[in-house]
Amino acid sequence: MNNRRVHQGHLARKRFGQNFLNDPYIIDHIVSAIHPLPEQAVVEIGPGLGALTEPVAERLDTLTVIELDRDLAARLQTHPFLGPKLTIFQQDAMTFDFAELAAQKGQPLRVFGNLPYNISTPLMFHLFSYTHAIKDMHFMLQKEVVNRLVAGPGSKAYGRLSVMAQYYCQVIPVLEVPPESFTPAPKVDSAVVRLVPHATHPYPVSDIRVLSRITTEAFGKRRKTLRNSLGHLFTLDVLNALGIDPTWRAENIAVAQYCQLANWLATHPEPQEM
C-alpha cells in the first residue's frame, strides 16, 4: 500500500480521482466564498473526508451530500457531528436529478464540491441542464478547466465548454489552489470557480440542442474555417448576413454569435448546400 496516498485512514482511489483537500487557509477561503446560510438548500458533490463538509455544515441545519465511494459515504453517516445533519445519496452525481431535489426543498439549490478531475467536464454539462433549479455553484477544479470556463474568443482555452458555460451562467474565478493543498498532491494546479445561472439569458436560444450541435461541430474542427466546419449548415450568404466572417475559426466566434447561429438554424432546419 502506498502510504503517501492514505489520508485519515482512507486510501485515495485513483479510479474516483480522489485528492483530499487539507489546507485550512484554502478551506476557510472557499467556505467564505460559498457563504452558506441556515435556511438554504445546500448540496455537496463528492464530500470525501469532509474537509469542506464540516465547516459548511457548521453554518447549516441540514446538508445534502452526493458521494459515490461507498466507504466514504459510510464514514459520513456515522460521523458524530455530521451524521445527524446529512442526507447522503451514495450514487454518481452524473445520474443525480437536481431538479427533483430542488422541488423537494422548495427552493433552488446551492451546489459545491471538490470535483474529481476525471469527470469534471461531463459533470459540468450535466449540471447545466439543471440551471433552472440551481441558485449558484462553487467548484474546485483543475485550473486548466477553470481557464476554459472563463475564456473569451480568440484565446486557446476558448472552446465548447466556454460557450456553453457562459450561455448558462456568469462565470467568476475565486482563487487558485496549489497541489500541496491536497493529499495526495495532484500533478496539476487547481482553482475555485463560482457559476451563477443567468436569471434571464443575455442571448436567449430557442433550442439548446441546436446550440450544442453547432458548438460541437465547430470546435470539433477548430483548425478549419467556418465555411468548412459549418458549411453543411450555413451558406456563405447566411454567415455574411449574420455578420459572421466565413474565414473565421471556431475560436473567433463570441457566445452571442453562436446563439445567433443556433436561432437561425432552429428556424431553418433543412441543411443548406454550399
C-alpha atoms as a PDB file:
ATOM      1  CA  MET A   1       0.000   0.000   0.000  1.00  0.00           C
ATOM      2  CA  ASN A   2       1.333   3.434  -0.922  1.00  0.00           C
ATOM      3  CA  ASN A   3       1.244   5.383   2.366  1.00  0.00           C
ATOM      4  CA  ARG A   4       1.528   8.716   0.552  1.00  0.00           C
ATOM      5  CA  ARG A   5      -1.979   8.104  -0.751  1.00  0.00           C
ATOM      6  CA  VAL A   6      -3.514   7.320   2.658  1.00  0.00           C
ATOM      7  CA  HIS A   7      -5.263  10.209   4.389  1.00  0.00           C
ATOM      8  CA  GLN A   8      -7.232   9.892   7.656  1.00  0.00           C
ATOM      9  CA  GLY A   9      -7.086   6.116   7.288  1.00  0.00           C
ATOM     10  CA  HIS A  10      -8.623   6.177   3.802  1.00  0.00           C
ATOM     11  CA  LEU A  11      -6.743   5.029   0.718  1.00  0.00           C
ATOM     12  CA  ALA A  12      -7.375   7.516  -2.086  1.00  0.00           C
ATOM     13  CA  ARG A  13      -8.923   5.664  -5.017  1.00  0.00           C
ATOM     14  CA  LYS A  14      -7.422   6.528  -8.366  1.00  0.00           C
ATOM     15  CA  ARG A  15     -10.497   5.414 -10.303  1.00  0.00           C
ATOM     16  CA  PHE A  16     -12.552   8.022  -8.415  1.00  0.00           C
ATOM     17  CA  GLY A  17      -9.906  10.704  -8.997  1.00  0.00           C
ATOM     18  CA  GLN A  18      -9.654  11.316  -5.250  1.00  0.00           C
ATOM     19  CA  ASN A  19      -7.396  14.086  -3.937  1.00  0.00           C
ATOM     20  CA  PHE A  20      -8.314  15.258  -0.444  1.00  0.00           C
ATOM     21  CA  LEU A  21      -8.154  18.953   0.449  1.00  0.00           C
ATOM     22  CA  ASN A  22      -6.268  19.567   3.707  1.00  0.00           C
ATOM     23  CA  ASP A  23      -5.168  23.245   3.700  1.00  0.00           C
ATOM     24  CA  PRO A  24      -7.013  25.198   6.471  1.00  0.00           C
ATOM     25  CA  TYR A  25      -6.431  28.596   4.808  1.00  0.00           C
ATOM     26  CA  ILE A  26      -7.818  27.412   1.458  1.00  0.00           C
ATOM     27  CA  ILE A  27     -10.747  25.645   3.136  1.00  0.00           C
ATOM     28  CA  ASP A  28     -11.666  28.803   5.069  1.00  0.00           C
ATOM     29  CA  HIS A  29     -11.432  30.905   1.908  1.00  0.00           C
ATOM     30  CA  ILE A  30     -13.722  28.543  -0.014  1.00  0.00           C
ATOM     31  CA  VAL A  31     -16.333  28.368   2.759  1.00  0.00           C
ATOM     32  CA  SER A  32     -16.334  32.177   2.997  1.00  0.00           C
ATOM     33  CA  ALA A  33     -16.847  32.384  -0.781  1.00  0.00           C
ATOM     34  CA  ILE A  34     -19.788  29.954  -0.607  1.00  0.00           C
ATOM     35  CA  HIS A  35     -21.246  31.799   2.418  1.00  0.00           C
ATOM     36  CA  PRO A  36     -23.906  29.188   3.243  1.00  0.00           C
ATOM     37  CA  LEU A  37     -26.904  30.327   5.310  1.00  0.00           C
ATOM     38  CA  PRO A  38     -29.029  28.082   7.603  1.00  0.00           C
ATOM     39  CA  GLU A  39     -32.253  28.259   5.604  1.00  0.00           C
ATOM     40  CA  GLN A  40     -30.641  27.447   2.241  1.00  0.00           C
ATOM     41  CA  ALA A  41     -30.750  24.130   0.341  1.00  0.00           C
ATOM     42  CA  VAL A  42     -27.054  23.288   0.030  1.00  0.00           C
ATOM     43  CA  VAL A  43     -25.677  20.253  -1.816  1.00  0.00           C
ATOM     44  CA  GLU A  44     -22.093  18.977  -1.822  1.00  0.00           C
ATOM     45  CA  ILE A  45     -20.814  16.757  -4.619  1.00  0.00           C
ATOM     46  CA  GLY A  46     -18.034  14.388  -3.525  1.00  0.00           C
ATOM     47  CA  PRO A  47     -17.579  15.318   0.161  1.00  0.00           C
ATOM     48  CA  GLY A  48     -14.723  12.832   0.527  1.00  0.00           C
ATOM     49  CA  LEU A  49     -13.308  13.026   4.044  1.00  0.00           C
ATOM     50  CA  GLY A  50     -15.364  16.105   4.897  1.00  0.00           C
ATOM     51  CA  ALA A  51     -12.750  18.879   4.631  1.00  0.00           C
ATOM     52  CA  LEU A  52     -15.373  21.274   3.252  1.00  0.00           C
ATOM     53  CA  THR A  53     -18.388  19.386   4.595  1.00  0.00           C
ATOM     54  CA  GLU A  54     -17.627  20.083   8.269  1.00  0.00           C
ATOM     55  CA  PRO A  55     -17.106  23.877   8.097  1.00  0.00           C
ATOM     56  CA  VAL A  56     -20.094  24.280   5.733  1.00  0.00           C
ATOM     57  CA  ALA A  57     -22.334  22.096   7.928  1.00  0.00           C
ATOM     58  CA  GLU A  58     -21.399  24.212  10.961  1.00  0.00           C
ATOM     59  CA  ARG A  59     -23.371  27.036   9.332  1.00  0.00           C
ATOM     60  CA  LEU A  60     -26.360  24.879   8.339  1.00  0.00           C
ATOM     61  CA  ASP A  61     -29.123  22.833   9.951  1.00  0.00           C
ATOM     62  CA  THR A  62     -29.113  20.265   7.147  1.00  0.00           C
ATOM     63  CA  LEU A  63     -26.822  19.444   4.228  1.00  0.00           C
ATOM     64  CA  THR A  64     -27.303  17.092   1.280  1.00  0.00           C
ATOM     65  CA  VAL A  65     -24.229  15.232   0.015  1.00  0.00           C
ATOM     66  CA  ILE A  66     -23.674  13.031  -3.047  1.00  0.00           C
ATOM     67  CA  GLU A  67     -20.821  10.553  -2.603  1.00  0.00           C
ATOM     68  CA  LEU A  68     -20.022   7.702  -4.991  1.00  0.00           C
ATOM     69  CA  ASP A  69     -17.452   5.995  -2.739  1.00  0.00           C
ATOM     70  CA  ARG A  70     -19.327   3.551  -0.510  1.00  0.00           C
ATOM     71  CA  ASP A  71     -16.707   3.640   2.270  1.00  0.00           C
ATOM     72  CA  LEU A  72     -16.662   7.435   2.441  1.00  0.00           C
ATOM     73  CA  ALA A  73     -20.474   7.589   2.475  1.00  0.00           C
ATOM     74  CA  ALA A  74     -20.480   5.159   5.419  1.00  0.00           C
ATOM     75  CA  ARG A  75     -17.888   7.272   7.304  1.00  0.00           C
ATOM     76  CA  LEU A  76     -20.039  10.363   6.903  1.00  0.00           C
ATOM     77  CA  GLN A  77     -23.169   8.529   8.043  1.00  0.00           C
ATOM     78  CA  THR A  78     -21.514   7.581  11.358  1.00  0.00           C
ATOM     79  CA  HIS A  79     -19.710  10.914  11.869  1.00  0.00           C
ATOM     80  CA  PRO A  80     -20.665  12.219  15.370  1.00  0.00           C
ATOM     81  CA  PHE A  81     -21.169  15.834  14.269  1.00  0.00           C
ATOM     82  CA  LEU A  82     -22.076  15.498  10.598  1.00  0.00           C
ATOM     83  CA  GLY A  83     -24.187  12.331  10.649  1.00  0.00           C
ATOM     84  CA  PRO A  84     -27.378  13.873  12.105  1.00  0.00           C
ATOM     85  CA  LYS A  85     -27.226  16.848   9.708  1.00  0.00           C
ATOM     86  CA  LEU A  86     -26.581  14.968   6.491  1.00  0.00           C
ATOM     87  CA  THR A  87     -28.840  13.485   3.852  1.00  0.00           C
ATOM     88  CA  ILE A  88     -26.473  11.167   1.962  1.00  0.00           C
ATOM     89  CA  PHE A  89     -27.009   9.926  -1.583  1.00  0.00           C
ATOM     90  CA  GLN A  90     -24.487   7.175  -2.299  1.00  0.00           C
ATOM     91  CA  GLN A  91     -24.543   7.487  -6.092  1.00  0.00           C
ATOM     92  CA  ASP A  92     -22.841   9.004  -9.101  1.00  0.00           C
ATOM     93  CA  ALA A  93     -23.557  12.755  -9.372  1.00  0.00           C
ATOM     94  CA  MET A  94     -23.812  12.230 -13.149  1.00  0.00           C
ATOM     95  CA  THR A  95     -27.083  10.334 -12.530  1.00  0.00           C
ATOM     96  CA  PHE A  96     -28.483  12.686  -9.881  1.00  0.00           C
ATOM     97  CA  ASP A  97     -31.725  14.615 -10.522  1.00  0.00           C
ATOM     98  CA  PHE A  98     -31.029  18.074  -9.109  1.00  0.00           C
ATOM     99  CA  ALA A  99     -34.430  19.410 -10.216  1.00  0.00           C
ATOM    100  CA  GLU A 100     -36.250  16.787  -8.151  1.00  0.00           C
ATOM    101  CA  LEU A 101     -34.245  17.718  -5.048  1.00  0.00           C
ATOM    102  CA  ALA A 102     -34.911  21.444  -5.616  1.00  0.00           C
ATOM    103  CA  ALA A 103     -38.643  20.674  -5.848  1.00  0.00           C
ATOM    104  CA  GLN A 104     -38.466  18.710  -2.577  1.00  0.00           C
ATOM    105  CA  LYS A 105     -36.623  21.581  -0.887  1.00  0.00           C
ATOM    106  CA  GLY A 106     -38.968  24.189  -2.345  1.00  0.00           C
ATOM    107  CA  GLN A 107     -36.081  26.411  -3.452  1.00  0.00           C
ATOM    108  CA  PRO A 108     -33.147  26.477  -5.895  1.00  0.00           C
ATOM    109  CA  LEU A 109     -30.034  24.607  -4.788  1.00  0.00           C
ATOM    110  CA  ARG A 110     -26.621  25.920  -3.845  1.00  0.00           C
ATOM    111  CA  VAL A 111     -24.145  23.301  -5.113  1.00  0.00           C
ATOM    112  CA  PHE A 112     -20.462  22.980  -4.241  1.00  0.00           C
ATOM    113  CA  GLY A 113     -17.655  20.452  -4.302  1.00  0.00           C
ATOM    114  CA  ASN A 114     -14.059  19.496  -4.942  1.00  0.00           C
ATOM    115  CA  LEU A 115     -14.731  17.747  -8.237  1.00  0.00           C
ATOM    116  CA  PRO A 116     -12.662  14.763  -9.413  1.00  0.00           C
ATOM    117  CA  TYR A 117     -10.622  15.824 -12.436  1.00  0.00           C
ATOM    118  CA  ASN A 118     -11.639  12.790 -14.473  1.00  0.00           C
ATOM    119  CA  ILE A 119     -15.362  13.694 -14.531  1.00  0.00           C
ATOM    120  CA  SER A 120     -15.391  17.471 -14.092  1.00  0.00           C
ATOM    121  CA  THR A 121     -16.258  18.440 -17.678  1.00  0.00           C
ATOM    122  CA  PRO A 122     -19.103  15.927 -18.259  1.00  0.00           C
ATOM    123  CA  LEU A 123     -20.438  16.770 -14.791  1.00  0.00           C
ATOM    124  CA  MET A 124     -20.488  20.470 -15.725  1.00  0.00           C
ATOM    125  CA  PHE A 125     -22.666  19.663 -18.738  1.00  0.00           C
ATOM    126  CA  HIS A 126     -24.964  17.525 -16.565  1.00  0.00           C
ATOM    127  CA  LEU A 127     -25.378  20.427 -14.130  1.00  0.00           C
ATOM    128  CA  PHE A 128     -26.016  22.946 -16.921  1.00  0.00           C
ATOM    129  CA  SER A 129     -29.192  21.019 -17.755  1.00  0.00           C
ATOM    130  CA  TYR A 130     -30.444  21.805 -14.223  1.00  0.00           C
ATOM    131  CA  THR A 131     -29.555  25.500 -14.026  1.00  0.00           C
ATOM    132  CA  HIS A 132     -33.263  26.347 -13.693  1.00  0.00           C
ATOM    133  CA  ALA A 133     -33.128  24.547 -10.320  1.00  0.00           C
ATOM    134  CA  ILE A 134     -29.751  25.911  -9.133  1.00  0.00           C
ATOM    135  CA  LYS A 135     -29.022  29.257  -7.441  1.00  0.00           C
ATOM    136  CA  ASP A 136     -25.231  29.017  -7.721  1.00  0.00           C
ATOM    137  CA  MET A 137     -22.310  26.583  -7.848  1.00  0.00           C
ATOM    138  CA  HIS A 138     -18.815  26.720  -6.320  1.00  0.00           C
ATOM    139  CA  PHE A 139     -16.334  24.145  -7.542  1.00  0.00           C
ATOM    140  CA  MET A 140     -12.706  23.246  -7.075  1.00  0.00           C
ATOM    141  CA  LEU A 141     -11.483  22.173 -10.493  1.00  0.00           C
ATOM    142  CA  GLN A 142      -8.282  21.641 -12.401  1.00  0.00           C
ATOM    143  CA  LYS A 143      -7.002  25.147 -13.166  1.00  0.00           C
ATOM    144  CA  GLU A 144      -7.000  24.344 -16.868  1.00  0.00           C
ATOM    145  CA  VAL A 145     -10.750  23.613 -16.698  1.00  0.00           C
ATOM    146  CA  VAL A 146     -11.426  26.914 -14.912  1.00  0.00           C
ATOM    147  CA  ASN A 147      -9.387  28.695 -17.599  1.00  0.00           C
ATOM    148  CA  ARG A 148     -11.622  27.080 -20.220  1.00  0.00           C
ATOM    149  CA  LEU A 149     -14.787  28.065 -18.349  1.00  0.00           C
ATOM    150  CA  VAL A 150     -13.818  31.755 -18.231  1.00  0.00           C
ATOM    151  CA  ALA A 151     -12.023  32.056 -21.603  1.00  0.00           C
ATOM    152  CA  GLY A 152     -13.173  34.549 -24.212  1.00  0.00           C
ATOM    153  CA  PRO A 153     -12.978  34.434 -28.026  1.00  0.00           C
ATOM    154  CA  GLY A 154      -9.510  34.459 -29.528  1.00  0.00           C
ATOM    155  CA  SER A 155      -7.828  32.531 -26.711  1.00  0.00           C
ATOM    156  CA  LYS A 156      -6.530  28.959 -26.973  1.00  0.00           C
ATOM    157  CA  ALA A 157      -8.545  27.969 -23.903  1.00  0.00           C
ATOM    158  CA  TYR A 158     -11.807  29.118 -25.524  1.00  0.00           C
ATOM    159  CA  GLY A 159     -13.877  26.161 -26.637  1.00  0.00           C
ATOM    160  CA  ARG A 160     -17.232  24.433 -26.436  1.00  0.00           C
ATOM    161  CA  LEU A 161     -17.127  24.357 -22.623  1.00  0.00           C
ATOM    162  CA  SER A 162     -16.540  28.141 -22.559  1.00  0.00           C
ATOM    163  CA  VAL A 163     -19.506  28.851 -24.835  1.00  0.00           C
ATOM    164  CA  MET A 164     -21.949  26.525 -23.080  1.00  0.00           C
ATOM    165  CA  ALA A 165     -20.894  27.585 -19.559  1.00  0.00           C
ATOM    166  CA  GLN A 166     -21.219  31.262 -20.421  1.00  0.00           C
ATOM    167  CA  TYR A 167     -24.550  30.681 -22.144  1.00  0.00           C
ATOM    168  CA  TYR A 168     -25.944  29.204 -18.923  1.00  0.00           C
ATOM    169  CA  CYS A 169     -24.015  31.077 -16.243  1.00  0.00           C
ATOM    170  CA  GLN A 170     -21.994  34.037 -15.134  1.00  0.00           C
ATOM    171  CA  VAL A 171     -18.541  32.533 -14.528  1.00  0.00           C
ATOM    172  CA  ILE A 172     -16.358  34.080 -11.799  1.00  0.00           C
ATOM    173  CA  PRO A 173     -12.874  32.833 -10.776  1.00  0.00           C
ATOM    174  CA  VAL A 174     -12.496  32.788  -6.965  1.00  0.00           C
ATOM    175  CA  LEU A 175      -8.950  31.616  -6.110  1.00  0.00           C
ATOM    176  CA  GLU A 176      -6.088  29.407  -7.229  1.00  0.00           C
ATOM    177  CA  VAL A 177      -5.052  26.371  -5.183  1.00  0.00           C
ATOM    178  CA  PRO A 178      -1.559  24.792  -5.292  1.00  0.00           C
ATOM    179  CA  PRO A 179      -1.027  20.997  -5.406  1.00  0.00           C
ATOM    180  CA  GLU A 180       0.392  20.909  -1.860  1.00  0.00           C
ATOM    181  CA  SER A 181      -3.072  21.800  -0.503  1.00  0.00           C
ATOM    182  CA  PHE A 182      -4.137  18.192  -1.243  1.00  0.00           C
ATOM    183  CA  THR A 183      -3.314  14.662  -0.109  1.00  0.00           C
ATOM    184  CA  PRO A 184      -2.094  13.098  -2.319  1.00  0.00           C
ATOM    185  CA  ALA A 185      -0.785  16.159  -4.166  1.00  0.00           C
ATOM    186  CA  PRO A 186      -2.080  16.165  -7.765  1.00  0.00           C
ATOM    187  CA  LYS A 187       0.299  16.872 -10.644  1.00  0.00           C
ATOM    188  CA  VAL A 188      -1.722  19.936 -11.672  1.00  0.00           C
ATOM    189  CA  ASP A 189      -2.758  23.288 -10.213  1.00  0.00           C
ATOM    190  CA  SER A 190      -6.363  23.743  -9.120  1.00  0.00           C
ATOM    191  CA  ALA A 191      -8.711  26.704  -8.880  1.00  0.00           C
ATOM    192  CA  VAL A 192     -12.108  27.542  -7.428  1.00  0.00           C
ATOM    193  CA  VAL A 193     -14.817  28.992  -9.645  1.00  0.00           C
ATOM    194  CA  ARG A 194     -18.278  30.412  -8.966  1.00  0.00           C
ATOM    195  CA  LEU A 195     -21.015  29.735 -11.531  1.00  0.00           C
ATOM    196  CA  VAL A 196     -24.228  31.756 -11.209  1.00  0.00           C
ATOM    197  CA  PRO A 197     -27.016  30.680 -13.592  1.00  0.00           C
ATOM    198  CA  HIS A 198     -28.483  33.613 -15.525  1.00  0.00           C
ATOM    199  CA  ALA A 199     -31.917  34.597 -14.247  1.00  0.00           C
ATOM    200  CA  THR A 200     -32.535  35.899 -17.774  1.00  0.00           C
ATOM    201  CA  HIS A 201     -30.309  34.627 -20.574  1.00  0.00           C
ATOM    202  CA  PRO A 202     -28.434  37.539 -22.184  1.00  0.00           C
ATOM    203  CA  TYR A 203     -28.614  35.722 -25.538  1.00  0.00           C
ATOM    204  CA  PRO A 204     -31.748  33.522 -25.493  1.00  0.00           C
ATOM    205  CA  VAL A 205     -31.673  30.392 -27.645  1.00  0.00           C
ATOM    206  CA  SER A 206     -34.895  28.785 -28.870  1.00  0.00           C
ATOM    207  CA  ASP A 207     -33.462  25.237 -28.941  1.00  0.00           C
ATOM    208  CA  ILE A 208     -30.435  24.475 -26.775  1.00  0.00           C
ATOM    209  CA  ARG A 209     -29.824  21.230 -28.682  1.00  0.00           C
ATOM    210  CA  VAL A 210     -29.048  23.260 -31.790  1.00  0.00           C
ATOM    211  CA  LEU A 211     -26.500  25.399 -29.919  1.00  0.00           C
ATOM    212  CA  SER A 212     -24.933  22.216 -28.549  1.00  0.00           C
ATOM    213  CA  ARG A 213     -24.714  20.740 -32.050  1.00  0.00           C
ATOM    214  CA  ILE A 214     -23.187  23.850 -33.636  1.00  0.00           C
ATOM    215  CA  THR A 215     -20.526  24.225 -30.930  1.00  0.00           C
ATOM    216  CA  THR A 216     -19.701  20.506 -31.094  1.00  0.00           C
ATOM    217  CA  GLU A 217     -19.214  20.645 -34.867  1.00  0.00           C
ATOM    218  CA  ALA A 218     -17.349  23.971 -34.936  1.00  0.00           C
ATOM    219  CA  PHE A 219     -14.893  23.106 -32.153  1.00  0.00           C
ATOM    220  CA  GLY A 220     -14.580  19.521 -33.374  1.00  0.00           C
ATOM    221  CA  LYS A 221     -12.865  21.067 -36.418  1.00  0.00           C
ATOM    222  CA  ARG A 222     -11.450  24.118 -34.694  1.00  0.00           C
ATOM    223  CA  ARG A 223      -8.490  24.441 -37.068  1.00  0.00           C
ATOM    224  CA  LYS A 224     -10.818  24.801 -40.044  1.00  0.00           C
ATOM    225  CA  THR A 225     -12.571  27.985 -41.144  1.00  0.00           C
ATOM    226  CA  LEU A 226     -16.308  28.210 -40.571  1.00  0.00           C
ATOM    227  CA  ARG A 227     -17.021  27.809 -44.289  1.00  0.00           C
ATOM    228  CA  ASN A 228     -15.504  24.314 -43.912  1.00  0.00           C
ATOM    229  CA  SER A 229     -16.564  23.326 -40.382  1.00  0.00           C
ATOM    230  CA  LEU A 230     -20.151  24.658 -40.620  1.00  0.00           C
ATOM    231  CA  GLY A 231     -20.560  24.910 -44.392  1.00  0.00           C
ATOM    232  CA  HIS A 232     -23.021  21.993 -44.381  1.00  0.00           C
ATOM    233  CA  LEU A 233     -25.318  24.021 -42.114  1.00  0.00           C
ATOM    234  CA  PHE A 234     -24.897  27.626 -43.301  1.00  0.00           C
ATOM    235  CA  THR A 235     -24.286  29.118 -46.740  1.00  0.00           C
ATOM    236  CA  LEU A 236     -21.743  31.901 -47.166  1.00  0.00           C
ATOM    237  CA  ASP A 237     -24.650  34.287 -47.727  1.00  0.00           C
ATOM    238  CA  VAL A 238     -26.231  33.319 -44.404  1.00  0.00           C
ATOM    239  CA  LEU A 239     -22.956  33.703 -42.485  1.00  0.00           C
ATOM    240  CA  ASN A 240     -22.341  37.101 -44.062  1.00  0.00           C
ATOM    241  CA  ALA A 241     -25.938  38.188 -43.387  1.00  0.00           C
ATOM    242  CA  LEU A 242     -25.450  37.283 -39.711  1.00  0.00           C
ATOM    243  CA  GLY A 243     -22.262  39.357 -39.607  1.00  0.00           C
ATOM    244  CA  ILE A 244     -20.000  36.326 -39.264  1.00  0.00           C
ATOM    245  CA  ASP A 245     -16.898  36.119 -41.458  1.00  0.00           C
ATOM    246  CA  PRO A 246     -16.736  32.650 -43.122  1.00  0.00           C
ATOM    247  CA  THR A 247     -12.915  32.755 -42.873  1.00  0.00           C
ATOM    248  CA  TRP A 248     -13.044  32.888 -39.070  1.00  0.00           C
ATOM    249  CA  ARG A 249     -12.424  29.782 -36.995  1.00  0.00           C
ATOM    250  CA  ALA A 250     -14.494  28.419 -34.108  1.00  0.00           C
ATOM    251  CA  GLU A 251     -12.411  30.273 -31.504  1.00  0.00           C
ATOM    252  CA  ASN A 252     -13.163  33.651 -33.126  1.00  0.00           C
ATOM    253  CA  ILE A 253     -16.932  33.439 -32.603  1.00  0.00           C
ATOM    254  CA  ALA A 254     -18.401  35.079 -29.489  1.00  0.00           C
ATOM    255  CA  VAL A 255     -21.108  33.409 -27.375  1.00  0.00           C
ATOM    256  CA  ALA A 256     -23.712  35.870 -28.683  1.00  0.00           C
ATOM    257  CA  GLN A 257     -22.832  34.924 -32.274  1.00  0.00           C
ATOM    258  CA  TYR A 258     -23.099  31.185 -31.579  1.00  0.00           C
ATOM    259  CA  CYS A 259     -26.546  31.859 -30.121  1.00  0.00           C
ATOM    260  CA  GLN A 260     -27.425  33.852 -33.248  1.00  0.00           C
ATOM    261  CA  LEU A 261     -26.359  30.913 -35.437  1.00  0.00           C
ATOM    262  CA  ALA A 262     -28.386  28.483 -33.292  1.00  0.00           C
ATOM    263  CA  ASN A 263     -31.540  30.596 -33.546  1.00  0.00           C
ATOM    264  CA  TRP A 264     -31.187  30.873 -37.334  1.00  0.00           C
ATOM    265  CA  LEU A 265     -30.671  27.119 -37.726  1.00  0.00           C
ATOM    266  CA  ALA A 266     -33.604  26.316 -35.423  1.00  0.00           C
ATOM    267  CA  THR A 267     -35.914  28.140 -37.835  1.00  0.00           C
ATOM    268  CA  HIS A 268     -34.204  26.793 -40.979  1.00  0.00           C
ATOM    269  CA  PRO A 269     -33.797  23.096 -40.114  1.00  0.00           C
ATOM    270  CA  GLU A 270     -33.001  21.863 -43.603  1.00  0.00           C
ATOM    271  CA  PRO A 271     -29.233  21.629 -44.217  1.00  0.00           C
ATOM    272  CA  GLN A 272     -28.053  24.291 -46.627  1.00  0.00           C
ATOM    273  CA  GLU A 273     -25.853  23.356 -49.575  1.00  0.00           C
ATOM    274  CA  MET A 274     -22.751  25.421 -50.320  1.00  0.00           C
END
